[in-house]
Amino acid sequence: MPLPMMPVQEVEALLREAFPGEKVHVENPQGDGLHFQVLIVSGRFQDKNMVEQHQLVYAALGDAMREAIHALALRTYTPEQWAQSGGRA
């Protein structure tokens, strides 16, 4: 049975709903609807370690993490961390 695929736009919509007004960027570099790279810059990450930050993202994606997303590479930053990086991940 083939794996369900998910368009980048759907992944991005779920994340934008959970992180309104924040920087959210989603890519599907393999074009397969299964493997995604995500960048989020959010004040919600303040005072949270990386695991806690990633858990917020997984929660936002909900069932998609279990059903349609096969691999997810996350880069999460607070606005301060993003500014310190020069706006480059």
PDB file of N, CA and C in Angstrom:
ATOM      1  N   MET A   1       0.846  -1.176   0.000  1.00  0.00           N
ATOM      2  CA  MET A   1       0.000   0.000   0.000  1.00  0.00           C
ATOM      3  C   MET A   1       0.897   1.247   0.000  1.00  0.00           C
ATOM      4  N   PRO A   2       0.709   2.153  -0.956  1.00  0.00           N
ATOM      5  CA  PRO A   2       1.570   3.345  -1.023  1.00  0.00           C
ATOM      6  C   PRO A   2       1.310   4.284   0.157  1.00  0.00           C
ATOM      7  N   LEU A   3       2.354   4.996   0.531  1.00  0.00           N
ATOM      8  CA  LEU A   3       2.229   5.975   1.605  1.00  0.00           C
ATOM      9  C   LEU A   3       1.446   7.182   1.105  1.00  0.00           C
ATOM     10  N   PRO A   4       0.587   7.758   1.974  1.00  0.00           N
ATOM     11  CA  PRO A   4      -0.097   8.987   1.559  1.00  0.00           C
ATOM     12  C   PRO A   4       0.918  10.119   1.433  1.00  0.00           C
ATOM     13  N   MET A   5       0.718  10.978   0.462  1.00  0.00           N
ATOM     14  CA  MET A   5       1.622  12.105   0.267  1.00  0.00           C
ATOM     15  C   MET A   5       0.921  13.378   0.731  1.00  0.00           C
ATOM     16  N   MET A   6       1.721  14.377   1.060  1.00  0.00           N
ATOM     17  CA  MET A   6       1.177  15.627   1.549  1.00  0.00           C
ATOM     18  C   MET A   6       1.843  16.785   0.813  1.00  0.00           C
ATOM     19  N   PRO A   7       1.061  17.656   0.202  1.00  0.00           N
ATOM     20  CA  PRO A   7       1.648  18.815  -0.476  1.00  0.00           C
ATOM     21  C   PRO A   7       2.314  19.762   0.522  1.00  0.00           C
ATOM     22  N   VAL A   8       3.365  20.423   0.066  1.00  0.00           N
ATOM     23  CA  VAL A   8       4.068  21.408   0.895  1.00  0.00           C
ATOM     24  C   VAL A   8       3.090  22.437   1.450  1.00  0.00           C
ATOM     25  N   GLN A   9       2.131  22.848   0.634  1.00  0.00           N
ATOM     26  CA  GLN A   9       1.185  23.875   1.050  1.00  0.00           C
ATOM     27  C   GLN A   9       0.366  23.436   2.262  1.00  0.00           C
ATOM     28  N   GLU A  10       0.037  22.162   2.350  1.00  0.00           N
ATOM     29  CA  GLU A  10      -0.727  21.657   3.494  1.00  0.00           C
ATOM     30  C   GLU A  10       0.121  21.662   4.766  1.00  0.00           C
ATOM     31  N   VAL A  11       1.368  21.238   4.645  1.00  0.00           N
ATOM     32  CA  VAL A  11       2.267  21.255   5.796  1.00  0.00           C
ATOM     33  C   VAL A  11       2.439  22.695   6.269  1.00  0.00           C
ATOM     34  N   GLU A  12       2.683  23.592   5.324  1.00  0.00           N
ATOM     35  CA  GLU A  12       2.882  24.994   5.661  1.00  0.00           C
ATOM     36  C   GLU A  12       1.630  25.598   6.298  1.00  0.00           C
ATOM     37  N   ALA A  13       0.453  25.245   5.799  1.00  0.00           N
ATOM     38  CA  ALA A  13      -0.804  25.773   6.359  1.00  0.00           C
ATOM     39  C   ALA A  13      -0.988  25.330   7.815  1.00  0.00           C
ATOM     40  N   LEU A  14      -0.689  24.070   8.103  1.00  0.00           N
ATOM     41  CA  LEU A  14      -0.794  23.585   9.483  1.00  0.00           C
ATOM     42  C   LEU A  14       0.147  24.355  10.404  1.00  0.00           C
ATOM     43  N   LEU A  15       1.355  24.591   9.931  1.00  0.00           N
ATOM     44  CA  LEU A  15       2.342  25.282  10.754  1.00  0.00           C
ATOM     45  C   LEU A  15       2.009  26.762  10.908  1.00  0.00           C
ATOM     46  N   ARG A  16       1.518  27.391   9.854  1.00  0.00           N
ATOM     47  CA  ARG A  16       1.143  28.812   9.944  1.00  0.00           C
ATOM     48  C   ARG A  16      -0.049  28.998  10.893  1.00  0.00           C
ATOM     49  N   GLU A  17      -0.931  28.016  10.934  1.00  0.00           N
ATOM     50  CA  GLU A  17      -2.065  28.081  11.862  1.00  0.00           C
ATOM     51  C   GLU A  17      -1.564  28.007  13.302  1.00  0.00           C
ATOM     52  N   ALA A  18      -0.589  27.164  13.556  1.00  0.00           N
ATOM     53  CA  ALA A  18      -0.049  26.990  14.913  1.00  0.00           C
ATOM     54  C   ALA A  18       0.917  28.105  15.302  1.00  0.00           C
ATOM     55  N   PHE A  19       1.559  28.708  14.306  1.00  0.00           N
ATOM     56  CA  PHE A  19       2.553  29.766  14.557  1.00  0.00           C
ATOM     57  C   PHE A  19       2.168  31.004  13.745  1.00  0.00           C
ATOM     58  N   PRO A  20       1.001  31.610  14.044  1.00  0.00           N
ATOM     59  CA  PRO A  20       0.545  32.754  13.244  1.00  0.00           C
ATOM     60  C   PRO A  20       1.493  33.945  13.356  1.00  0.00           C
ATOM     61  N   GLY A  21       1.740  34.560  12.218  1.00  0.00           N
ATOM     62  CA  GLY A  21       2.588  35.745  12.190  1.00  0.00           C
ATOM     63  C   GLY A  21       4.073  35.469  12.342  1.00  0.00           C
ATOM     64  N   GLU A  22       4.456  34.207  12.416  1.00  0.00           N
ATOM     65  CA  GLU A  22       5.860  33.830  12.589  1.00  0.00           C
ATOM     66  C   GLU A  22       6.454  33.440  11.236  1.00  0.00           C
ATOM     67  N   LYS A  23       7.788  33.387  11.178  1.00  0.00           N
ATOM     68  CA  LYS A  23       8.464  32.955   9.951  1.00  0.00           C
ATOM     69  C   LYS A  23       8.353  31.437   9.857  1.00  0.00           C
ATOM     70  N   VAL A  24       7.729  30.972   8.793  1.00  0.00           N
ATOM     71  CA  VAL A  24       7.571  29.534   8.542  1.00  0.00           C
ATOM     72  C   VAL A  24       7.951  29.287   7.089  1.00  0.00           C
ATOM     73  N   HIS A  25       8.869  28.368   6.885  1.00  0.00           N
ATOM     74  CA  HIS A  25       9.284  28.008   5.530  1.00  0.00           C
ATOM     75  C   HIS A  25       9.352  26.483   5.439  1.00  0.00           C
ATOM     76  N   VAL A  26       8.699  25.933   4.431  1.00  0.00           N
ATOM     77  CA  VAL A  26       8.651  24.477   4.253  1.00  0.00           C
ATOM     78  C   VAL A  26       9.123  24.140   2.844  1.00  0.00           C
ATOM     79  N   GLU A  27       9.971  23.141   2.757  1.00  0.00           N
ATOM     80  CA  GLU A  27      10.433  22.630   1.458  1.00  0.00           C
ATOM     81  C   GLU A  27      10.248  21.121   1.407  1.00  0.00           C
ATOM     82  N   ASN A  28      10.068  20.621   0.208  1.00  0.00           N
ATOM     83  CA  ASN A  28      10.020  19.184  -0.063  1.00  0.00           C
ATOM     84  C   ASN A  28      11.070  18.918  -1.136  1.00  0.00           C
ATOM     85  N   PRO A  29      12.360  18.883  -0.715  1.00  0.00           N
ATOM     86  CA  PRO A  29      13.451  18.843  -1.691  1.00  0.00           C
ATOM     87  C   PRO A  29      13.420  17.640  -2.632  1.00  0.00           C
ATOM     88  N   GLN A  30      12.853  16.538  -2.199  1.00  0.00           N
ATOM     89  CA  GLN A  30      12.800  15.362  -3.068  1.00  0.00           C
ATOM     90  C   GLN A  30      11.559  15.370  -3.953  1.00  0.00           C
ATOM     91  N   GLY A  31      10.632  16.290  -3.673  1.00  0.00           N
ATOM     92  CA  GLY A  31       9.425  16.389  -4.479  1.00  0.00           C
ATOM     93  C   GLY A  31       8.488  15.212  -4.344  1.00  0.00           C
ATOM     94  N   ASP A  32       8.630  14.468  -3.243  1.00  0.00           N
ATOM     95  CA  ASP A  32       7.835  13.246  -3.096  1.00  0.00           C
ATOM     96  C   ASP A  32       6.649  13.384  -2.149  1.00  0.00           C
ATOM     97  N   GLY A  33       6.483  14.550  -1.499  1.00  0.00           N
ATOM     98  CA  GLY A  33       5.383  14.725  -0.561  1.00  0.00           C
ATOM     99  C   GLY A  33       5.528  13.926   0.716  1.00  0.00           C
ATOM    100  N   LEU A  34       6.736  13.429   0.977  1.00  0.00           N
ATOM    101  CA  LEU A  34       6.993  12.610   2.166  1.00  0.00           C
ATOM    102  C   LEU A  34       8.123  13.150   3.037  1.00  0.00           C
ATOM    103  N   HIS A  35       9.104  13.798   2.415  1.00  0.00           N
ATOM    104  CA  HIS A  35      10.302  14.282   3.113  1.00  0.00           C
ATOM    105  C   HIS A  35      10.298  15.814   3.099  1.00  0.00           C
ATOM    106  N   PHE A  36      10.326  16.416   4.290  1.00  0.00           N
ATOM    107  CA  PHE A  36      10.203  17.867   4.383  1.00  0.00           C
ATOM    108  C   PHE A  36      11.337  18.479   5.194  1.00  0.00           C
ATOM    109  N   GLN A  37      11.678  19.694   4.823  1.00  0.00           N
ATOM    110  CA  GLN A  37      12.602  20.523   5.590  1.00  0.00           C
ATOM    111  C   GLN A  37      11.801  21.740   6.039  1.00  0.00           C
ATOM    112  N   VAL A  38      11.870  22.025   7.344  1.00  0.00           N
ATOM    113  CA  VAL A  38      11.065  23.098   7.915  1.00  0.00           C
ATOM    114  C   VAL A  38      11.951  24.055   8.693  1.00  0.00           C
ATOM    115  N   LEU A  39      11.710  25.336   8.490  1.00  0.00           N
ATOM    116  CA  LEU A  39      12.362  26.399   9.242  1.00  0.00           C
ATOM    117  C   LEU A  39      11.261  27.211   9.914  1.00  0.00           C
ATOM    118  N   ILE A  40      11.353  27.380  11.232  1.00  0.00           N
ATOM    119  CA  ILE A  40      10.394  28.208  11.956  1.00  0.00           C
ATOM    120  C   ILE A  40      11.157  29.111  12.908  1.00  0.00           C
ATOM    121  N   VAL A  41      10.812  30.393  12.878  1.00  0.00           N
ATOM    122  CA  VAL A  41      11.340  31.369  13.820  1.00  0.00           C
ATOM    123  C   VAL A  41      10.136  31.846  14.629  1.00  0.00           C
ATOM    124  N   SER A  42      10.154  31.579  15.936  1.00  0.00           N
ATOM    125  CA  SER A  42       8.984  31.882  16.747  1.00  0.00           C
ATOM    126  C   SER A  42       9.359  32.279  18.169  1.00  0.00           C
ATOM    127  N   GLY A  43       8.656  33.266  18.679  1.00  0.00           N
ATOM    128  CA  GLY A  43       8.808  33.650  20.078  1.00  0.00           C
ATOM    129  C   GLY A  43       8.324  32.564  21.017  1.00  0.00           C
ATOM    130  N   ARG A  44       7.506  31.653  20.525  1.00  0.00           N
ATOM    131  CA  ARG A  44       7.037  30.532  21.362  1.00  0.00           C
ATOM    132  C   ARG A  44       8.171  29.600  21.765  1.00  0.00           C
ATOM    133  N   PHE A  45       9.295  29.684  21.077  1.00  0.00           N
ATOM    134  CA  PHE A  45      10.434  28.819  21.392  1.00  0.00           C
ATOM    135  C   PHE A  45      11.293  29.372  22.532  1.00  0.00           C
ATOM    136  N   GLN A  46      11.018  30.608  22.929  1.00  0.00           N
ATOM    137  CA  GLN A  46      11.795  31.235  24.004  1.00  0.00           C
ATOM    138  C   GLN A  46      11.747  30.362  25.262  1.00  0.00           C
ATOM    139  N   ASP A  47      12.885  30.171  25.898  1.00  0.00           N
ATOM    140  CA  ASP A  47      13.009  29.403  27.146  1.00  0.00           C
ATOM    141  C   ASP A  47      12.651  27.924  26.990  1.00  0.00           C
ATOM    142  N   LYS A  48      12.680  27.422  25.759  1.00  0.00           N
ATOM    143  CA  LYS A  48      12.443  25.998  25.525  1.00  0.00           C
ATOM    144  C   LYS A  48      13.694  25.400  24.884  1.00  0.00           C
ATOM    145  N   ASN A  49      14.017  24.181  25.297  1.00  0.00           N
ATOM    146  CA  ASN A  49      15.161  23.522  24.673  1.00  0.00           C
ATOM    147  C   ASN A  49      14.731  22.977  23.308  1.00  0.00           C
ATOM    148  N   MET A  50      15.669  22.458  22.555  1.00  0.00           N
ATOM    149  CA  MET A  50      15.394  22.010  21.198  1.00  0.00           C
ATOM    150  C   MET A  50      14.316  20.922  21.159  1.00  0.00           C
ATOM    151  N   VAL A  51      14.365  19.999  22.094  1.00  0.00           N
ATOM    152  CA  VAL A  51      13.365  18.927  22.119  1.00  0.00           C
ATOM    153  C   VAL A  51      11.975  19.524  22.317  1.00  0.00           C
ATOM    154  N   GLU A  52      11.844  20.450  23.240  1.00  0.00           N
ATOM    155  CA  GLU A  52      10.547  21.084  23.499  1.00  0.00           C
ATOM    156  C   GLU A  52      10.074  21.884  22.280  1.00  0.00           C
ATOM    157  N   GLN A  53      11.001  22.552  21.611  1.00  0.00           N
ATOM    158  CA  GLN A  53      10.654  23.294  20.400  1.00  0.00           C
ATOM    159  C   GLN A  53      10.113  22.347  19.330  1.00  0.00           C
ATOM    160  N   HIS A  54      10.802  21.242  19.146  1.00  0.00           N
ATOM    161  CA  HIS A  54      10.391  20.282  18.124  1.00  0.00           C
ATOM    162  C   HIS A  54       9.054  19.643  18.490  1.00  0.00           C
ATOM    163  N   GLN A  55       8.818  19.428  19.777  1.00  0.00           N
ATOM    164  CA  GLN A  55       7.539  18.871  20.204  1.00  0.00           C
ATOM    165  C   GLN A  55       6.387  19.807  19.853  1.00  0.00           C
ATOM    166  N   LEU A  56       6.610  21.121  19.944  1.00  0.00           N
ATOM    167  CA  LEU A  56       5.579  22.085  19.542  1.00  0.00           C
ATOM    168  C   LEU A  56       5.257  21.941  18.054  1.00  0.00           C
ATOM    169  N   VAL A  57       6.293  21.725  17.256  1.00  0.00           N
ATOM    170  CA  VAL A  57       6.088  21.562  15.815  1.00  0.00           C
ATOM    171  C   VAL A  57       5.354  20.253  15.532  1.00  0.00           C
ATOM    172  N   TYR A  58       5.773  19.164  16.180  1.00  0.00           N
ATOM    173  CA  TYR A  58       5.101  17.876  15.974  1.00  0.00           C
ATOM    174  C   TYR A  58       3.628  17.974  16.357  1.00  0.00           C
ATOM    175  N   ALA A  59       3.342  18.654  17.462  1.00  0.00           N
ATOM    176  CA  ALA A  59       1.949  18.817  17.903  1.00  0.00           C
ATOM    177  C   ALA A  59       1.149  19.591  16.858  1.00  0.00           C
ATOM    178  N   ALA A  60       1.753  20.594  16.258  1.00  0.00           N
ATOM    179  CA  ALA A  60       1.063  21.387  15.235  1.00  0.00           C
ATOM    180  C   ALA A  60       0.733  20.536  14.012  1.00  0.00           C
ATOM    181  N   LEU A  61       1.593  19.585  13.702  1.00  0.00           N
ATOM    182  CA  LEU A  61       1.371  18.738  12.525  1.00  0.00           C
ATOM    183  C   LEU A  61       0.430  17.575  12.809  1.00  0.00           C
ATOM    184  N   GLY A  62       0.244  17.251  14.079  1.00  0.00           N
ATOM    185  CA  GLY A  62      -0.737  16.249  14.496  1.00  0.00           C
ATOM    186  C   GLY A  62      -0.636  14.934  13.746  1.00  0.00           C
ATOM    187  N   ASP A  63      -1.778  14.504  13.217  1.00  0.00           N
ATOM    188  CA  ASP A  63      -1.868  13.211  12.543  1.00  0.00           C
ATOM    189  C   ASP A  63      -0.966  13.102  11.320  1.00  0.00           C
ATOM    190  N   ALA A  64      -0.664  14.222  10.702  1.00  0.00           N
ATOM    191  CA  ALA A  64       0.208  14.183   9.519  1.00  0.00           C
ATOM    192  C   ALA A  64       1.561  13.565   9.858  1.00  0.00           C
ATOM    193  N   MET A  65       2.026  13.752  11.097  1.00  0.00           N
ATOM    194  CA  MET A  65       3.312  13.166  11.504  1.00  0.00           C
ATOM    195  C   MET A  65       3.242  11.643  11.519  1.00  0.00           C
ATOM    196  N   ARG A  66       2.083  11.104  11.786  1.00  0.00           N
ATOM    197  CA  ARG A  66       1.932   9.646  11.855  1.00  0.00           C
ATOM    198  C   ARG A  66       1.509   9.041  10.516  1.00  0.00           C
ATOM    199  N   GLU A  67       0.865   9.862   9.674  1.00  0.00           N
ATOM    200  CA  GLU A  67       0.250   9.293   8.483  1.00  0.00           C
ATOM    201  C   GLU A  67       0.916   9.674   7.162  1.00  0.00           C
ATOM    202  N   ALA A  68       1.321  10.944   7.004  1.00  0.00           N
ATOM    203  CA  ALA A  68       1.762  11.389   5.681  1.00  0.00           C
ATOM    204  C   ALA A  68       3.214  11.842   5.628  1.00  0.00           C
ATOM    205  N   ILE A  69       3.755  12.270   6.745  1.00  0.00           N
ATOM    206  CA  ILE A  69       5.129  12.780   6.737  1.00  0.00           C
ATOM    207  C   ILE A  69       6.074  11.655   7.132  1.00  0.00           C
ATOM    208  N   HIS A  70       6.940  11.301   6.218  1.00  0.00           N
ATOM    209  CA  HIS A  70       7.888  10.209   6.462  1.00  0.00           C
ATOM    210  C   HIS A  70       9.146  10.721   7.168  1.00  0.00           C
ATOM    211  N   ALA A  71       9.633  11.899   6.769  1.00  0.00           N
ATOM    212  CA  ALA A  71      10.848  12.473   7.358  1.00  0.00           C
ATOM    213  C   ALA A  71      10.677  13.982   7.472  1.00  0.00           C
ATOM    214  N   LEU A  72      11.167  14.525   8.590  1.00  0.00           N
ATOM    215  CA  LEU A  72      11.025  15.951   8.852  1.00  0.00           C
ATOM    216  C   LEU A  72      12.330  16.474   9.443  1.00  0.00           C
ATOM    217  N   ALA A  73      12.989  17.339   8.687  1.00  0.00           N
ATOM    218  CA  ALA A  73      14.208  17.994   9.181  1.00  0.00           C
ATOM    219  C   ALA A  73      13.789  19.366   9.694  1.00  0.00           C
ATOM    220  N   LEU A  74      13.996  19.606  10.981  1.00  0.00           N
ATOM    221  CA  LEU A  74      13.547  20.854  11.605  1.00  0.00           C
ATOM    222  C   LEU A  74      14.714  21.766  11.952  1.00  0.00           C
ATOM    223  N   ARG A  75      14.500  23.052  11.693  1.00  0.00           N
ATOM    224  CA  ARG A  75      15.395  24.097  12.176  1.00  0.00           C
ATOM    225  C   ARG A  75      14.490  25.100  12.881  1.00  0.00           C
ATOM    226  N   THR A  76      14.641  25.202  14.195  1.00  0.00           N
ATOM    227  CA  THR A  76      13.799  26.090  14.989  1.00  0.00           C
ATOM    228  C   THR A  76      14.665  27.118  15.692  1.00  0.00           C
ATOM    229  N   TYR A  77      14.193  28.365  15.681  1.00  0.00           N
ATOM    230  CA  TYR A  77      14.938  29.472  16.267  1.00  0.00           C
ATOM    231  C   TYR A  77      13.988  30.405  17.005  1.00  0.00           C
ATOM    232  N   THR A  78      14.491  31.032  18.055  1.00  0.00           N
ATOM    233  CA  THR A  78      13.794  32.174  18.624  1.00  0.00           C
ATOM    234  C   THR A  78      14.140  33.364  17.731  1.00  0.00           C
ATOM    235  N   PRO A  79      13.370  34.448  17.806  1.00  0.00           N
ATOM    236  CA  PRO A  79      13.734  35.624  17.001  1.00  0.00           C
ATOM    237  C   PRO A  79      15.148  36.129  17.317  1.00  0.00           C
ATOM    238  N   GLU A  80      15.548  36.042  18.570  1.00  0.00           N
ATOM    239  CA  GLU A  80      16.902  36.478  18.949  1.00  0.00           C
ATOM    240  C   GLU A  80      17.967  35.591  18.308  1.00  0.00           C
ATOM    241  N   GLN A  81      17.764  34.280  18.355  1.00  0.00           N
ATOM    242  CA  GLN A  81      18.724  33.354  17.735  1.00  0.00           C
ATOM    243  C   GLN A  81      18.796  33.596  16.226  1.00  0.00           C
ATOM    244  N   TRP A  82      17.644  33.851  15.612  1.00  0.00           N
ATOM    245  CA  TRP A  82      17.598  34.098  14.175  1.00  0.00           C
ATOM    246  C   TRP A  82      18.376  35.349  13.826  1.00  0.00           C
ATOM    247  N   ALA A  83      18.183  36.412  14.623  1.00  0.00           N
ATOM    248  CA  ALA A  83      18.903  37.662  14.393  1.00  0.00           C
ATOM    249  C   ALA A  83      20.405  37.451  14.555  1.00  0.00           C
ATOM    250  N   GLN A  84      20.790  36.669  15.556  1.00  0.00           N
ATOM    251  CA  GLN A  84      22.222  36.401  15.787  1.00  0.00           C
ATOM    252  C   GLN A  84      22.822  35.600  14.645  1.00  0.00           C
ATOM    253  N   SER A  85      22.018  34.793  13.979  1.00  0.00           N
ATOM    254  CA  SER A  85      22.526  34.003  12.857  1.00  0.00           C
ATOM    255  C   SER A  85      22.629  34.832  11.592  1.00  0.00           C
ATOM    256  N   GLY A  86      22.175  36.066  11.659  1.00  0.00           N
ATOM    257  CA  GLY A  86      22.172  36.916  10.478  1.00  0.00           C
ATOM    258  C   GLY A  86      21.035  36.588   9.532  1.00  0.00           C
ATOM    259  N   GLY A  87      20.032  35.883  10.050  1.00  0.00           N
ATOM    260  CA  GLY A  87      18.894  35.505   9.210  1.00  0.00           C
ATOM    261  C   GLY A  87      19.202  34.380   8.259  1.00  0.00           C
ATOM    262  N   ARG A  88      20.192  33.572   8.623  1.00  0.00           N
ATOM    263  CA  ARG A  88      20.566  32.417   7.791  1.00  0.00           C
ATOM    264  C   ARG A  88      20.565  31.165   8.645  1.00  0.00           C
ATOM    265  N   ALA A  89      20.001  30.133   8.118  1.00  0.00           N
ATOM    266  CA  ALA A  89      19.952  28.871   8.864  1.00  0.00           C
ATOM    267  C   ALA A  89      21.102  27.967   8.479  1.00  0.00           C
TER     268      ALA A  89
END
